[in-house]
């Protein structure tokens, strides 16, 4: 039976990608700053939402204490919260969130 769709092979003929392979698509990035916040991934970016927390600014610390945000996903909304003191000088670290979708 013939199969149609996308199939990518390397020089040796091994299948690298086919129609059943999950492929990620990066949609954007957001810098958290030092306050709680959220972002909603647009509906036109179809697929299952994912995120990665990366790029912490380690230059900001207070007496050796540093707090990165806790990041959660609910539906298409990515939220980040800090559990410590409400002042940014408490050692909160601004972090970069990279987000996208996969199918």
Protein backbone atom coordinates (compact mmCIF):
# COMPACT_ATOMS: atom_id res chain seq x y z
CA UNK A 1 0.00 0.00 0.00
CA UNK A 2 1.44 3.40 -0.96
CA UNK A 3 1.88 6.06 1.69
CA UNK A 4 1.91 9.75 0.90
CA UNK A 5 3.20 12.69 2.85
CA UNK A 6 6.49 14.04 4.09
CA UNK A 7 9.48 11.73 4.48
CA UNK A 8 13.07 12.97 4.82
CA UNK A 9 15.99 10.57 4.56
CA UNK A 10 19.71 10.97 5.16
CA UNK A 11 22.38 10.01 2.60
CA UNK A 12 22.24 6.37 3.78
CA UNK A 13 18.49 6.12 3.27
CA UNK A 14 17.56 6.24 6.97
CA UNK A 15 14.28 8.03 7.69
CA UNK A 16 14.95 11.22 9.69
CA UNK A 17 11.46 12.74 9.59
CA UNK A 18 8.16 11.35 8.41
CA UNK A 19 4.53 12.37 8.71
CA UNK A 20 4.29 10.84 12.22
CA UNK A 21 7.29 12.77 13.62
CA UNK A 22 6.46 15.47 16.16
CA UNK A 23 7.91 18.75 15.00
CA UNK A 24 8.36 21.80 17.23
CA UNK A 25 7.60 25.33 16.09
CA UNK A 26 8.95 28.21 18.13
CA UNK A 27 6.37 30.98 18.46
CA UNK A 28 8.13 33.54 20.65
CA UNK A 29 9.98 34.56 23.77
CA UNK A 30 9.14 36.65 26.80
CA UNK A 31 11.40 38.14 29.47
CA UNK A 32 9.76 37.68 32.89
CA UNK A 33 11.27 40.67 34.60
CA UNK A 34 11.01 40.48 38.39
CA UNK A 35 7.22 40.59 38.79
CA UNK A 36 4.51 37.97 38.30
CA UNK A 37 2.95 37.82 34.84
CA UNK A 38 1.52 35.75 32.00
CA UNK A 39 1.25 35.50 28.23
CA UNK A 40 -1.30 33.73 26.06
CA UNK A 41 -0.09 31.82 23.01
CA UNK A 42 -2.24 32.91 20.02
CA UNK A 43 -4.81 30.45 18.63
CA UNK A 44 -3.31 30.80 15.14
CA UNK A 45 -0.29 28.86 16.47
CA UNK A 46 -2.11 25.51 16.31
CA UNK A 47 -0.74 22.56 18.26
CA UNK A 48 0.13 21.66 21.83
CA UNK A 49 1.84 24.51 23.71
CA UNK A 50 5.26 23.98 25.31
CA UNK A 51 7.75 26.27 27.04
CA UNK A 52 11.34 26.31 28.28
CA UNK A 53 12.73 28.54 31.01
CA UNK A 54 16.21 29.69 30.06
CA UNK A 55 18.61 32.60 30.15
CA UNK A 56 18.48 33.58 33.81
CA UNK A 57 20.27 36.82 34.69
CA UNK A 58 22.61 35.57 37.41
CA UNK A 59 24.18 38.99 37.94
CA UNK A 60 21.42 40.01 40.39
CA UNK A 61 21.64 38.44 43.84
CA UNK A 62 21.06 39.60 47.38
CA UNK A 63 23.24 38.01 50.04
CA UNK A 64 23.59 34.87 47.92
CA UNK A 65 19.81 34.40 47.62
CA UNK A 66 18.37 34.18 44.13
CA UNK A 67 14.85 33.25 43.07
CA UNK A 68 13.83 32.23 39.57
CA UNK A 69 10.13 32.30 38.64
CA UNK A 70 7.87 29.27 38.89
CA UNK A 71 6.36 28.78 35.43
CA UNK A 72 3.04 27.01 34.80
CA UNK A 73 0.90 26.23 31.75
CA UNK A 74 -2.90 26.28 31.76
CA UNK A 75 -4.47 25.77 28.35
CA UNK A 76 -2.67 28.28 26.13
CA UNK A 77 -1.62 30.61 28.96
CA UNK A 78 1.93 30.55 30.34
CA UNK A 79 2.20 32.18 33.78
CA UNK A 80 5.14 32.91 36.05
CA UNK A 81 5.17 33.73 39.75
CA UNK A 82 7.72 34.52 42.40
CA UNK A 83 7.04 33.13 45.86
CA UNK A 84 9.42 35.32 47.86
CA UNK A 85 9.28 38.95 48.91
CA UNK A 86 7.26 41.30 46.71
CA UNK A 87 10.23 43.62 46.09
CA UNK A 88 12.49 42.98 43.09
CA UNK A 89 15.55 43.71 45.24
CA UNK A 90 14.89 40.49 47.14
CA UNK A 91 17.04 38.60 44.66
CA UNK A 92 14.44 37.78 42.02
CA UNK A 93 16.04 36.83 38.72
CA UNK A 94 14.54 37.88 35.40
CA UNK A 95 14.38 34.85 33.11
CA UNK A 96 13.70 34.20 29.46
CA UNK A 97 10.80 31.92 28.52
CA UNK A 98 10.92 30.40 25.04
CA UNK A 99 7.55 29.04 23.92
CA UNK A 100 6.00 27.33 20.95
CA UNK A 101 3.76 24.51 19.75
CA UNK A 102 4.21 20.94 18.56
CA UNK A 103 1.90 18.79 16.55
